[in-house]
């Protein structure tokens, strides 16, 4: 599945007023696949898709080291609201 979930934060709530929706997406998804998927699933015309990739940071808890989760999010701009 291309879309993992809809990202709901204060920033995305403000963007939703301007018909911009933010999704967490699969790391291997690209703009073209995402645009086709959104337009067929929600029956809306997609104007623009921007993608941002957030790399995980190195963290340490005592002697144990690891990384936080890496994720990719997409800003999808549509002509009408998604219901």
C-alpha atoms as a PDB file:
ATOM      1  CA  UNK A   1       0.000   0.000   0.000  1.00  0.00           C
ATOM      2  CA  UNK A   2       1.344   3.410  -0.935  1.00  0.00           C
ATOM      3  CA  UNK A   3      -0.314   5.389   1.874  1.00  0.00           C
ATOM      4  CA  UNK A   4       0.316   4.321   5.465  1.00  0.00           C
ATOM      5  CA  UNK A   5      -1.915   6.879   7.194  1.00  0.00           C
ATOM      6  CA  UNK A   6      -3.119  10.468   7.238  1.00  0.00           C
ATOM      7  CA  UNK A   7      -0.913  12.700   9.381  1.00  0.00           C
ATOM      8  CA  UNK A   8      -2.954  14.820  11.799  1.00  0.00           C
ATOM      9  CA  UNK A   9      -1.153  17.637  13.634  1.00  0.00           C
ATOM     10  CA  UNK A  10      -1.829  21.318  14.282  1.00  0.00           C
ATOM     11  CA  UNK A  11       0.151  22.273  11.191  1.00  0.00           C
ATOM     12  CA  UNK A  12      -1.705  19.841   8.931  1.00  0.00           C
ATOM     13  CA  UNK A  13      -5.059  21.030  10.309  1.00  0.00           C
ATOM     14  CA  UNK A  14      -4.215  24.530   9.085  1.00  0.00           C
ATOM     15  CA  UNK A  15      -3.092  23.146   5.709  1.00  0.00           C
ATOM     16  CA  UNK A  16      -6.361  21.188   5.340  1.00  0.00           C
ATOM     17  CA  UNK A  17      -8.236  24.499   5.097  1.00  0.00           C
ATOM     18  CA  UNK A  18      -6.299  25.200   1.875  1.00  0.00           C
ATOM     19  CA  UNK A  19      -7.034  21.716   0.418  1.00  0.00           C
ATOM     20  CA  UNK A  20      -3.580  20.384   1.309  1.00  0.00           C
ATOM     21  CA  UNK A  21      -3.443  16.946   2.923  1.00  0.00           C
ATOM     22  CA  UNK A  22      -0.405  15.310   4.517  1.00  0.00           C
ATOM     23  CA  UNK A  23       0.073  11.537   4.350  1.00  0.00           C
ATOM     24  CA  UNK A  24       2.757   9.221   5.682  1.00  0.00           C
ATOM     25  CA  UNK A  25       3.722   7.124   2.675  1.00  0.00           C
ATOM     26  CA  UNK A  26       5.838   4.108   1.780  1.00  0.00           C
ATOM     27  CA  UNK A  27       9.553   4.853   1.456  1.00  0.00           C
ATOM     28  CA  UNK A  28       9.632   3.542  -2.128  1.00  0.00           C
ATOM     29  CA  UNK A  29       6.599   5.524  -3.389  1.00  0.00           C
ATOM     30  CA  UNK A  30       7.095   8.388  -5.818  1.00  0.00           C
ATOM     31  CA  UNK A  31       5.058  11.448  -6.832  1.00  0.00           C
ATOM     32  CA  UNK A  32       3.538   9.922  -9.968  1.00  0.00           C
ATOM     33  CA  UNK A  33       2.291   6.776  -8.220  1.00  0.00           C
ATOM     34  CA  UNK A  34       0.926   8.817  -5.334  1.00  0.00           C
ATOM     35  CA  UNK A  35      -0.922  11.254  -7.608  1.00  0.00           C
ATOM     36  CA  UNK A  36      -2.630   8.401  -9.487  1.00  0.00           C
ATOM     37  CA  UNK A  37      -3.526   6.581  -6.250  1.00  0.00           C
ATOM     38  CA  UNK A  38      -5.061   9.666  -4.561  1.00  0.00           C
ATOM     39  CA  UNK A  39      -7.044  10.710  -7.627  1.00  0.00           C
ATOM     40  CA  UNK A  40      -8.573   7.245  -8.095  1.00  0.00           C
ATOM     41  CA  UNK A  41      -9.227   6.479  -4.421  1.00  0.00           C
ATOM     42  CA  UNK A  42     -10.743   9.827  -3.406  1.00  0.00           C
ATOM     43  CA  UNK A  43     -12.102  10.944  -6.838  1.00  0.00           C
ATOM     44  CA  UNK A  44     -10.417  14.363  -6.717  1.00  0.00           C
ATOM     45  CA  UNK A  45      -8.105  16.242  -9.059  1.00  0.00           C
ATOM     46  CA  UNK A  46      -4.592  16.509  -7.619  1.00  0.00           C
ATOM     47  CA  UNK A  47      -2.781  19.741  -8.478  1.00  0.00           C
ATOM     48  CA  UNK A  48       0.606  19.129  -6.913  1.00  0.00           C
ATOM     49  CA  UNK A  49       2.483  16.620  -4.744  1.00  0.00           C
ATOM     50  CA  UNK A  50       5.508  17.482  -2.587  1.00  0.00           C
ATOM     51  CA  UNK A  51       7.479  14.781  -0.795  1.00  0.00           C
ATOM     52  CA  UNK A  52       9.731  15.155   2.268  1.00  0.00           C
ATOM     53  CA  UNK A  53      11.901  12.419   3.738  1.00  0.00           C
ATOM     54  CA  UNK A  54      12.782  12.533   7.441  1.00  0.00           C
ATOM     55  CA  UNK A  55      15.854  10.487   8.333  1.00  0.00           C
ATOM     56  CA  UNK A  56      16.010   8.904  11.784  1.00  0.00           C
ATOM     57  CA  UNK A  57      18.325  10.363  14.398  1.00  0.00           C
ATOM     58  CA  UNK A  58      20.856   8.373  16.393  1.00  0.00           C
ATOM     59  CA  UNK A  59      19.718   8.007  19.989  1.00  0.00           C
ATOM     60  CA  UNK A  60      21.211   6.430  23.045  1.00  0.00           C
ATOM     61  CA  UNK A  61      19.524   5.022  26.147  1.00  0.00           C
ATOM     62  CA  UNK A  62      22.338   4.148  28.537  1.00  0.00           C
ATOM     63  CA  UNK A  63      24.578   1.641  26.772  1.00  0.00           C
ATOM     64  CA  UNK A  64      21.986   0.803  24.127  1.00  0.00           C
ATOM     65  CA  UNK A  65      22.208   2.780  20.885  1.00  0.00           C
ATOM     66  CA  UNK A  66      19.705   2.900  18.065  1.00  0.00           C
ATOM     67  CA  UNK A  67      17.903   5.209  15.692  1.00  0.00           C
ATOM     68  CA  UNK A  68      14.490   6.825  15.632  1.00  0.00           C
ATOM     69  CA  UNK A  69      12.146   5.893  12.835  1.00  0.00           C
ATOM     70  CA  UNK A  70      12.773   7.151   9.292  1.00  0.00           C
ATOM     71  CA  UNK A  71       9.644   8.173   7.423  1.00  0.00           C
ATOM     72  CA  UNK A  72       8.489   9.823   4.239  1.00  0.00           C
ATOM     73  CA  UNK A  73       5.555  12.222   4.055  1.00  0.00           C
ATOM     74  CA  UNK A  74       3.666  13.682   1.129  1.00  0.00           C
ATOM     75  CA  UNK A  75       1.916  17.038   0.874  1.00  0.00           C
ATOM     76  CA  UNK A  76      -0.963  16.574  -1.588  1.00  0.00           C
ATOM     77  CA  UNK A  77      -2.658  19.695  -2.975  1.00  0.00           C
ATOM     78  CA  UNK A  78      -6.153  19.107  -4.419  1.00  0.00           C
ATOM     79  CA  UNK A  79      -8.725  21.280  -6.175  1.00  0.00           C
ATOM     80  CA  UNK A  80     -11.629  20.287  -3.929  1.00  0.00           C
ATOM     81  CA  UNK A  81     -11.885  18.957  -0.390  1.00  0.00           C
ATOM     82  CA  UNK A  82     -11.543  15.233   0.319  1.00  0.00           C
ATOM     83  CA  UNK A  83     -14.583  13.933   2.165  1.00  0.00           C
END
